[in-house]
PDB file of N, CA and C in Angstrom:
ATOM      1  N   UNK A   1       1.150  -0.748  -0.078  1.00  0.00           N
ATOM      2  CA  UNK A   1       0.250   0.107   0.320  1.00  0.00           C
ATOM      3  C   UNK A   1       1.260   1.253  -0.081  1.00  0.00           C
ATOM      4  N   UNK A   2       0.900   2.333  -0.850  1.00  0.00           N
ATOM      5  CA  UNK A   2       1.238   3.593  -1.049  1.00  0.00           C
ATOM      6  C   UNK A   2       0.873   4.463   0.174  1.00  0.00           C
ATOM      7  N   UNK A   3       1.577   4.982   0.436  1.00  0.00           N
ATOM      8  CA  UNK A   3       1.087   6.774   0.932  1.00  0.00           C
ATOM      9  C   UNK A   3      -0.022   7.162   0.516  1.00  0.00           C
ATOM     10  N   UNK A   4      -1.086   6.873   1.160  1.00  0.00           N
ATOM     11  CA  UNK A   4      -1.550   7.829   0.452  1.00  0.00           C
ATOM     12  C   UNK A   4      -2.923   9.063   0.985  1.00  0.00           C
ATOM     13  N   UNK A   5      -2.838  10.020   0.854  1.00  0.00           N
ATOM     14  CA  UNK A   5      -4.025  11.444   1.268  1.00  0.00           C
ATOM     15  C   UNK A   5      -5.105  12.025   0.625  1.00  0.00           C
ATOM     16  N   UNK A   6      -6.315  12.633   1.335  1.00  0.00           N
ATOM     17  CA  UNK A   6      -7.444  12.801   1.170  1.00  0.00           C
ATOM     18  C   UNK A   6      -8.315  13.513   2.069  1.00  0.00           C
ATOM     19  N   UNK A   7      -9.519  14.162   1.719  1.00  0.00           N
ATOM     20  CA  UNK A   7     -10.491  14.683   2.205  1.00  0.00           C
ATOM     21  C   UNK A   7     -11.417  13.975   2.080  1.00  0.00           C
ATOM     22  N   UNK A   8     -12.175  13.974   3.462  1.00  0.00           N
ATOM     23  CA  UNK A   8     -13.275  13.595   4.055  1.00  0.00           C
ATOM     24  C   UNK A   8     -14.309  14.242   5.293  1.00  0.00           C
ATOM     25  N   UNK A   9     -15.539  14.676   4.507  1.00  0.00           N
ATOM     26  CA  UNK A   9     -15.536  15.250   5.198  1.00  0.00           C
ATOM     27  C   UNK A   9     -15.354  17.195   5.649  1.00  0.00           C
ATOM     28  N   UNK A  10     -14.141  17.818   5.184  1.00  0.00           N
ATOM     29  CA  UNK A  10     -13.771  19.048   4.830  1.00  0.00           C
ATOM     30  C   UNK A  10     -12.318  18.619   5.720  1.00  0.00           C
ATOM     31  N   UNK A  11     -12.009  17.214   5.915  1.00  0.00           N
ATOM     32  CA  UNK A  11     -10.680  17.185   7.037  1.00  0.00           C
ATOM     33  C   UNK A  11      -9.863  16.307   6.028  1.00  0.00           C
ATOM     34  N   UNK A  12      -8.752  16.524   5.967  1.00  0.00           N
ATOM     35  CA  UNK A  12      -7.327  16.501   5.447  1.00  0.00           C
ATOM     36  C   UNK A  12      -6.115  15.038   6.638  1.00  0.00           C
ATOM     37  N   UNK A  13      -6.595  13.968   5.442  1.00  0.00           N
ATOM     38  CA  UNK A  13      -6.054  13.120   5.959  1.00  0.00           C
ATOM     39  C   UNK A  13      -4.845  12.646   5.357  1.00  0.00           C
ATOM     40  N   UNK A  14      -4.038  11.425   6.309  1.00  0.00           N
ATOM     41  CA  UNK A  14      -2.665  10.874   5.423  1.00  0.00           C
ATOM     42  C   UNK A  14      -2.782   9.636   6.696  1.00  0.00           C
ATOM     43  N   UNK A  15      -2.508   8.904   5.453  1.00  0.00           N
ATOM     44  CA  UNK A  15      -2.039   6.923   5.512  1.00  0.00           C
ATOM     45  C   UNK A  15      -1.273   6.828   5.132  1.00  0.00           C
ATOM     46  N   UNK A  16      -0.637   5.625   5.907  1.00  0.00           N
ATOM     47  CA  UNK A  16       0.450   4.946   4.856  1.00  0.00           C
ATOM     48  C   UNK A  16       0.449   3.352   6.363  1.00  0.00           C
ATOM     49  N   UNK A  17       1.572   2.706   6.471  1.00  0.00           N
ATOM     50  CA  UNK A  17       2.078   1.390   6.364  1.00  0.00           C
ATOM     51  C   UNK A  17       3.428   1.440   7.406  1.00  0.00           C
ATOM     52  N   UNK A  18       3.479   1.004   8.252  1.00  0.00           N
ATOM     53  CA  UNK A  18       4.015   1.213   8.788  1.00  0.00           C
ATOM     54  C   UNK A  18       4.878  -1.258   9.330  1.00  0.00           C
ATOM     55  N   UNK A  19       6.320  -0.357   9.844  1.00  0.00           N
ATOM     56  CA  UNK A  19       6.258  -2.295  10.417  1.00  0.00           C
ATOM     57  C   UNK A  19       5.882  -2.233  11.722  1.00  0.00           C
ATOM     58  N   UNK A  20       4.921  -3.051  11.474  1.00  0.00           N
ATOM     59  CA  UNK A  20       4.740  -3.811  13.695  1.00  0.00           C
ATOM     60  C   UNK A  20       5.989  -3.549  14.633  1.00  0.00           C
ATOM     61  N   UNK A  21       7.357  -4.274  14.527  1.00  0.00           N
ATOM     62  CA  UNK A  21       8.395  -4.376  14.959  1.00  0.00           C
ATOM     63  C   UNK A  21       8.580  -3.313  15.882  1.00  0.00           C
ATOM     64  N   UNK A  22       8.861  -2.881  16.607  1.00  0.00           N
ATOM     65  CA  UNK A  22       9.539  -1.573  16.665  1.00  0.00           C
ATOM     66  C   UNK A  22      10.942  -1.497  17.114  1.00  0.00           C
ATOM     67  N   UNK A  23      11.440  -2.834  16.301  1.00  0.00           N
ATOM     68  CA  UNK A  23      12.957  -3.194  16.340  1.00  0.00           C
ATOM     69  C   UNK A  23      13.844  -3.216  14.718  1.00  0.00           C
ATOM     70  N   UNK A  24      12.526  -3.549  14.040  1.00  0.00           N
ATOM     71  CA  UNK A  24      12.685  -3.005  13.068  1.00  0.00           C
ATOM     72  C   UNK A  24      14.260  -2.231  11.787  1.00  0.00           C
ATOM     73  N   UNK A  25      14.159  -1.420  12.747  1.00  0.00           N
ATOM     74  CA  UNK A  25      15.279  -0.575  12.151  1.00  0.00           C
ATOM     75  C   UNK A  25      14.931   0.604  11.343  1.00  0.00           C
ATOM     76  N   UNK A  26      13.621   1.133  11.477  1.00  0.00           N
ATOM     77  CA  UNK A  26      13.099   0.890  10.370  1.00  0.00           C
ATOM     78  C   UNK A  26      12.260   2.724  10.690  1.00  0.00           C
ATOM     79  N   UNK A  27      12.307   4.142  10.791  1.00  0.00           N
ATOM     80  CA  UNK A  27      11.806   5.242  10.651  1.00  0.00           C
ATOM     81  C   UNK A  27      11.017   5.919   9.501  1.00  0.00           C
ATOM     82  N   UNK A  28       9.917   6.018   9.990  1.00  0.00           N
ATOM     83  CA  UNK A  28       8.809   6.792   9.189  1.00  0.00           C
ATOM     84  C   UNK A  28       8.864   8.843  10.070  1.00  0.00           C
ATOM     85  N   UNK A  29       8.869   9.643   8.347  1.00  0.00           N
ATOM     86  CA  UNK A  29       9.061  10.471   8.775  1.00  0.00           C
ATOM     87  C   UNK A  29       8.254  11.055   7.744  1.00  0.00           C
ATOM     88  N   UNK A  30       7.739  11.714   8.322  1.00  0.00           N
ATOM     89  CA  UNK A  30       5.969  12.688   7.040  1.00  0.00           C
ATOM     90  C   UNK A  30       6.925  13.851   7.288  1.00  0.00           C
ATOM     91  N   UNK A  31       6.475  13.982   5.693  1.00  0.00           N
ATOM     92  CA  UNK A  31       7.197  15.605   5.933  1.00  0.00           C
ATOM     93  C   UNK A  31       6.414  16.724   4.714  1.00  0.00           C
ATOM     94  N   UNK A  32       6.942  17.640   4.777  1.00  0.00           N
ATOM     95  CA  UNK A  32       5.607  18.794   4.330  1.00  0.00           C
ATOM     96  C   UNK A  32       6.187  19.904   3.715  1.00  0.00           C
ATOM     97  N   UNK A  33       5.096  20.404   2.256  1.00  0.00           N
ATOM     98  CA  UNK A  33       6.288  21.584   0.925  1.00  0.00           C
ATOM     99  C   UNK A  33       4.370  22.068   0.499  1.00  0.00           C
ATOM    100  N   UNK A  34       4.735  23.409   1.191  1.00  0.00           N
ATOM    101  CA  UNK A  34       4.107  23.907   0.661  1.00  0.00           C
ATOM    102  C   UNK A  34       4.239  24.415  -0.861  1.00  0.00           C
ATOM    103  N   UNK A  35       5.231  24.272  -1.443  1.00  0.00           N
ATOM    104  CA  UNK A  35       5.114  24.434  -3.107  1.00  0.00           C
ATOM    105  C   UNK A  35       5.839  23.800  -3.299  1.00  0.00           C
ATOM    106  N   UNK A  36       6.206  22.209  -4.703  1.00  0.00           N
ATOM    107  CA  UNK A  36       6.778  21.759  -5.444  1.00  0.00           C
ATOM    108  C   UNK A  36       7.841  22.044  -5.957  1.00  0.00           C
ATOM    109  N   UNK A  37       7.500  23.563  -6.433  1.00  0.00           N
ATOM    110  CA  UNK A  37       8.979  23.622  -7.627  1.00  0.00           C
ATOM    111  C   UNK A  37       9.689  24.491  -6.536  1.00  0.00           C
ATOM    112  N   UNK A  38       9.953  25.137  -5.042  1.00  0.00           N
ATOM    113  CA  UNK A  38      10.666  24.426  -4.857  1.00  0.00           C
ATOM    114  C   UNK A  38      11.571  23.547  -4.284  1.00  0.00           C
ATOM    115  N   UNK A  39      10.292  22.631  -4.061  1.00  0.00           N
ATOM    116  CA  UNK A  39      10.736  21.579  -2.988  1.00  0.00           C
ATOM    117  C   UNK A  39      11.296  21.745  -1.274  1.00  0.00           C
ATOM    118  N   UNK A  40      10.782  22.834  -0.727  1.00  0.00           N
ATOM    119  CA  UNK A  40      11.478  23.089   0.530  1.00  0.00           C
ATOM    120  C   UNK A  40      10.564  22.527   1.454  1.00  0.00           C
ATOM    121  N   UNK A  41      11.012  20.534   1.696  1.00  0.00           N
ATOM    122  CA  UNK A  41      10.347  19.466   2.419  1.00  0.00           C
ATOM    123  C   UNK A  41      10.888  19.571   4.350  1.00  0.00           C
ATOM    124  N   UNK A  42       9.970  19.712   5.341  1.00  0.00           N
ATOM    125  CA  UNK A  42      10.262  20.034   6.124  1.00  0.00           C
ATOM    126  C   UNK A  42       9.657  18.707   6.518  1.00  0.00           C
ATOM    127  N   UNK A  43       9.938  18.313   8.433  1.00  0.00           N
ATOM    128  CA  UNK A  43       9.590  16.866   8.628  1.00  0.00           C
ATOM    129  C   UNK A  43       8.221  17.642   9.457  1.00  0.00           C
ATOM    130  N   UNK A  44       7.128  17.232   9.453  1.00  0.00           N
ATOM    131  CA  UNK A  44       5.543  17.315   9.366  1.00  0.00           C
ATOM    132  C   UNK A  44       6.371  16.732  11.488  1.00  0.00           C
ATOM    133  N   UNK A  45       5.594  17.485  12.081  1.00  0.00           N
ATOM    134  CA  UNK A  45       5.559  17.243  13.977  1.00  0.00           C
ATOM    135  C   UNK A  45       4.250  16.350  13.837  1.00  0.00           C
ATOM    136  N   UNK A  46       4.184  15.464  14.639  1.00  0.00           N
ATOM    137  CA  UNK A  46       3.438  14.026  14.380  1.00  0.00           C
ATOM    138  C   UNK A  46       3.111  15.338  16.350  1.00  0.00           C
ATOM    139  N   UNK A  47       1.641  15.706  16.849  1.00  0.00           N
ATOM    140  CA  UNK A  47       0.724  16.068  17.712  1.00  0.00           C
ATOM    141  C   UNK A  47       0.995  17.878  17.621  1.00  0.00           C
ATOM    142  N   UNK A  48       1.649  18.144  16.859  1.00  0.00           N
ATOM    143  CA  UNK A  48       1.073  20.053  16.435  1.00  0.00           C
ATOM    144  C   UNK A  48       0.791  19.468  15.047  1.00  0.00           C
ATOM    145  N   UNK A  49       1.780  19.534  14.481  1.00  0.00           N
ATOM    146  CA  UNK A  49       1.210  19.042  12.007  1.00  0.00           C
ATOM    147  C   UNK A  49       0.489  18.237  11.958  1.00  0.00           C
ATOM    148  N   UNK A  50       0.508  17.795  12.304  1.00  0.00           N
ATOM    149  CA  UNK A  50      -0.315  16.640  13.086  1.00  0.00           C
ATOM    150  C   UNK A  50      -0.818  15.394  13.467  1.00  0.00           C
ATOM    151  N   UNK A  51      -2.190  15.792  13.779  1.00  0.00           N
ATOM    152  CA  UNK A  51      -2.866  14.774  14.686  1.00  0.00           C
ATOM    153  C   UNK A  51      -3.119  13.182  14.374  1.00  0.00           C
ATOM    154  N   UNK A  52      -2.703  12.555  15.425  1.00  0.00           N
ATOM    155  CA  UNK A  52      -2.353  11.071  15.408  1.00  0.00           C
ATOM    156  C   UNK A  52      -3.667  10.577  15.780  1.00  0.00           C
ATOM    157  N   UNK A  53      -4.776  10.426  14.727  1.00  0.00           N
ATOM    158  CA  UNK A  53      -5.854   9.048  14.491  1.00  0.00           C
ATOM    159  C   UNK A  53      -5.652   7.523  15.120  1.00  0.00           C
ATOM    160  N   UNK A  54      -4.810   6.684  14.911  1.00  0.00           N
ATOM    161  CA  UNK A  54      -4.364   5.958  15.486  1.00  0.00           C
ATOM    162  C   UNK A  54      -4.214   5.037  14.583  1.00  0.00           C
ATOM    163  N   UNK A  55      -4.102   3.960  14.749  1.00  0.00           N
ATOM    164  CA  UNK A  55      -3.168   2.904  13.738  1.00  0.00           C
ATOM    165  C   UNK A  55      -4.428   1.530  13.526  1.00  0.00           C
ATOM    166  N   UNK A  56      -4.301   0.712  13.003  1.00  0.00           N
ATOM    167  CA  UNK A  56      -5.343  -0.222  12.117  1.00  0.00           C
ATOM    168  C   UNK A  56      -4.394  -1.102  12.605  1.00  0.00           C
ATOM    169  N   UNK A  57      -4.121  -2.893  12.358  1.00  0.00           N
ATOM    170  CA  UNK A  57      -2.780  -4.021  11.900  1.00  0.00           C
ATOM    171  C   UNK A  57      -3.694  -3.925  10.750  1.00  0.00           C
ATOM    172  N   UNK A  58      -3.194  -4.563  10.074  1.00  0.00           N
ATOM    173  CA  UNK A  58      -3.651  -4.380   8.281  1.00  0.00           C
ATOM    174  C   UNK A  58      -4.238  -6.294   8.066  1.00  0.00           C
ATOM    175  N   UNK A  59      -3.319  -7.262   9.628  1.00  0.00           N
ATOM    176  CA  UNK A  59      -4.133  -8.995   9.566  1.00  0.00           C
ATOM    177  C   UNK A  59      -2.873  -9.310   9.261  1.00  0.00           C
ATOM    178  N   UNK A  60      -1.546  -8.793   8.407  1.00  0.00           N
ATOM    179  CA  UNK A  60      -0.785  -9.499   7.833  1.00  0.00           C
ATOM    180  C   UNK A  60      -0.091 -10.146   9.867  1.00  0.00           C
ATOM    181  N   UNK A  61       0.040  -9.415  10.392  1.00  0.00           N
ATOM    182  CA  UNK A  61       0.502  -9.711  11.281  1.00  0.00           C
ATOM    183  C   UNK A  61       2.260  -9.093  10.805  1.00  0.00           C
ATOM    184  N   UNK A  62       2.598  -8.082  10.213  1.00  0.00           N
ATOM    185  CA  UNK A  62       3.593  -7.789  10.067  1.00  0.00           C
ATOM    186  C   UNK A  62       4.184  -6.227   9.997  1.00  0.00           C
ATOM    187  N   UNK A  63       2.315  -5.352   9.572  1.00  0.00           N
ATOM    188  CA  UNK A  63       2.277  -4.070   9.180  1.00  0.00           C
ATOM    189  C   UNK A  63       0.849  -3.456   9.967  1.00  0.00           C
ATOM    190  N   UNK A  64       0.717  -2.056  10.029  1.00  0.00           N
ATOM    191  CA  UNK A  64       0.144  -1.540  10.552  1.00  0.00           C
ATOM    192  C   UNK A  64      -0.741  -0.238   9.933  1.00  0.00           C
ATOM    193  N   UNK A  65      -1.575   0.236   9.289  1.00  0.00           N
ATOM    194  CA  UNK A  65      -2.076   1.077   8.793  1.00  0.00           C
ATOM    195  C   UNK A  65      -2.503   2.360   9.867  1.00  0.00           C
ATOM    196  N   UNK A  66      -1.419   3.356   9.872  1.00  0.00           N
ATOM    197  CA  UNK A  66      -1.004   5.316  10.189  1.00  0.00           C
ATOM    198  C   UNK A  66      -1.891   6.150   9.594  1.00  0.00           C
ATOM    199  N   UNK A  67      -2.996   6.622  10.687  1.00  0.00           N
ATOM    200  CA  UNK A  67      -3.120   7.595   9.767  1.00  0.00           C
ATOM    201  C   UNK A  67      -3.108   8.922  10.908  1.00  0.00           C
ATOM    202  N   UNK A  68      -3.195  10.122  10.040  1.00  0.00           N
ATOM    203  CA  UNK A  68      -2.894  11.426  10.237  1.00  0.00           C
ATOM    204  C   UNK A  68      -3.733  12.572  10.177  1.00  0.00           C
ATOM    205  N   UNK A  69      -4.222  13.285  10.532  1.00  0.00           N
ATOM    206  CA  UNK A  69      -5.029  14.374  10.324  1.00  0.00           C
ATOM    207  C   UNK A  69      -4.576  15.415  10.178  1.00  0.00           C
ATOM    208  N   UNK A  70      -4.546  16.189   8.949  1.00  0.00           N
ATOM    209  CA  UNK A  70      -3.536  17.485   9.720  1.00  0.00           C
ATOM    210  C   UNK A  70      -4.221  18.747  10.105  1.00  0.00           C
ATOM    211  N   UNK A  71      -3.490  19.431  10.486  1.00  0.00           N
ATOM    212  CA  UNK A  71      -3.685  20.615  11.747  1.00  0.00           C
ATOM    213  C   UNK A  71      -4.113  21.764   9.954  1.00  0.00           C
ATOM    214  N   UNK A  72      -5.199  22.497  10.243  1.00  0.00           N
ATOM    215  CA  UNK A  72      -5.196  23.369   8.835  1.00  0.00           C
ATOM    216  C   UNK A  72      -4.779  24.510   9.173  1.00  0.00           C
ATOM    217  N   UNK A  73      -4.471  24.923  10.140  1.00  0.00           N
ATOM    218  CA  UNK A  73      -3.879  26.129  11.284  1.00  0.00           C
ATOM    219  C   UNK A  73      -2.763  26.255  10.924  1.00  0.00           C
ATOM    220  N   UNK A  74      -2.189  25.123  10.819  1.00  0.00           N
ATOM    221  CA  UNK A  74      -0.045  24.933  11.189  1.00  0.00           C
ATOM    222  C   UNK A  74       0.280  24.817   9.628  1.00  0.00           C
ATOM    223  N   UNK A  75      -0.806  23.764   8.885  1.00  0.00           N
ATOM    224  CA  UNK A  75      -0.125  23.310   7.779  1.00  0.00           C
ATOM    225  C   UNK A  75      -1.376  23.575   6.860  1.00  0.00           C
ATOM    226  N   UNK A  76      -1.573  25.213   6.588  1.00  0.00           N
ATOM    227  CA  UNK A  76      -2.626  25.306   5.539  1.00  0.00           C
ATOM    228  C   UNK A  76      -2.485  24.355   3.773  1.00  0.00           C
ATOM    229  N   UNK A  77      -3.390  24.613   3.041  1.00  0.00           N
ATOM    230  CA  UNK A  77      -3.407  24.430   2.369  1.00  0.00           C
ATOM    231  C   UNK A  77      -3.159  25.692   1.179  1.00  0.00           C
ATOM    232  N   UNK A  78      -1.708  25.033   0.262  1.00  0.00           N
ATOM    233  CA  UNK A  78      -1.481  23.634  -0.567  1.00  0.00           C
ATOM    234  C   UNK A  78      -0.847  23.132   0.448  1.00  0.00           C
ATOM    235  N   UNK A  79      -0.754  21.927   0.554  1.00  0.00           N
ATOM    236  CA  UNK A  79       0.246  21.301   1.025  1.00  0.00           C
ATOM    237  C   UNK A  79       0.100  20.346   0.511  1.00  0.00           C
ATOM    238  N   UNK A  80       1.886  19.719   0.101  1.00  0.00           N
ATOM    239  CA  UNK A  80       2.102  18.115  -0.232  1.00  0.00           C
ATOM    240  C   UNK A  80       2.722  17.681   0.580  1.00  0.00           C
ATOM    241  N   UNK A  81       2.246  16.721   0.689  1.00  0.00           N
ATOM    242  CA  UNK A  81       3.066  15.884   1.819  1.00  0.00           C
ATOM    243  C   UNK A  81       4.150  14.549   1.077  1.00  0.00           C
ATOM    244  N   UNK A  82       5.123  13.711   1.469  1.00  0.00           N
ATOM    245  CA  UNK A  82       5.339  12.574   1.510  1.00  0.00           C
ATOM    246  C   UNK A  82       6.182  12.267   2.733  1.00  0.00           C
ATOM    247  N   UNK A  83       6.284  10.690   2.419  1.00  0.00           N
ATOM    248  CA  UNK A  83       6.569   9.296   2.779  1.00  0.00           C
ATOM    249  C   UNK A  83       7.640   9.604   3.409  1.00  0.00           C
ATOM    250  N   UNK A  84       9.436   9.885   4.126  1.00  0.00           N
ATOM    251  CA  UNK A  84      10.792   9.419   4.331  1.00  0.00           C
ATOM    252  C   UNK A  84      10.405   8.015   4.764  1.00  0.00           C
ATOM    253  N   UNK A  85      10.899   6.636   4.778  1.00  0.00           N
ATOM    254  CA  UNK A  85      11.158   5.728   5.451  1.00  0.00           C
ATOM    255  C   UNK A  85      12.618   5.603   5.120  1.00  0.00           C
ATOM    256  N   UNK A  86      13.378   6.103   5.974  1.00  0.00           N
ATOM    257  CA  UNK A  86      14.533   5.451   7.024  1.00  0.00           C
ATOM    258  C   UNK A  86      15.035   4.660   8.082  1.00  0.00           C
ATOM    259  N   UNK A  87      16.123   3.548   6.909  1.00  0.00           N
ATOM    260  CA  UNK A  87      16.659   2.419   7.683  1.00  0.00           C
ATOM    261  C   UNK A  87      18.003   3.113   9.019  1.00  0.00           C
ATOM    262  N   UNK A  88      18.388   2.733   9.742  1.00  0.00           N
ATOM    263  CA  UNK A  88      18.704   2.887  10.263  1.00  0.00           C
ATOM    264  C   UNK A  88      20.124   1.694   9.539  1.00  0.00           C
ATOM    265  N   UNK A  89      20.820   1.696  10.364  1.00  0.00           N
ATOM    266  CA  UNK A  89      22.077   1.112  10.287  1.00  0.00           C
ATOM    267  C   UNK A  89      22.310   0.430  11.434  1.00  0.00           C
TER     268      UNK A  89
END
C-alpha cells in the first residue's frame, strides 16, 4: 500500500503502512511542503502539524496502517506530503 492523502468531510488525512516491530530499524518521517517547485520539505511534527488518529493492524501480522489528520491552522492549503523511510544502520 502506498501512502495516501484524502479529504473526507472537509478533514484532510494522510495514511501510510508501517512495520509493527519496534526493533525493525525503520523510521518513518512525514514531510510537508507548500510548493513543489521550490521543494522545501520539512518534517511534519506529529502532535502539532499532524494529529495521530491511531493505527489499525492490516491482518498480515507484520504491518499496520497509521492515519493522521492535518491541522489546517499549522499546515494550511496548499500542502504537499511525502513519506520518507529511513533504514537505521
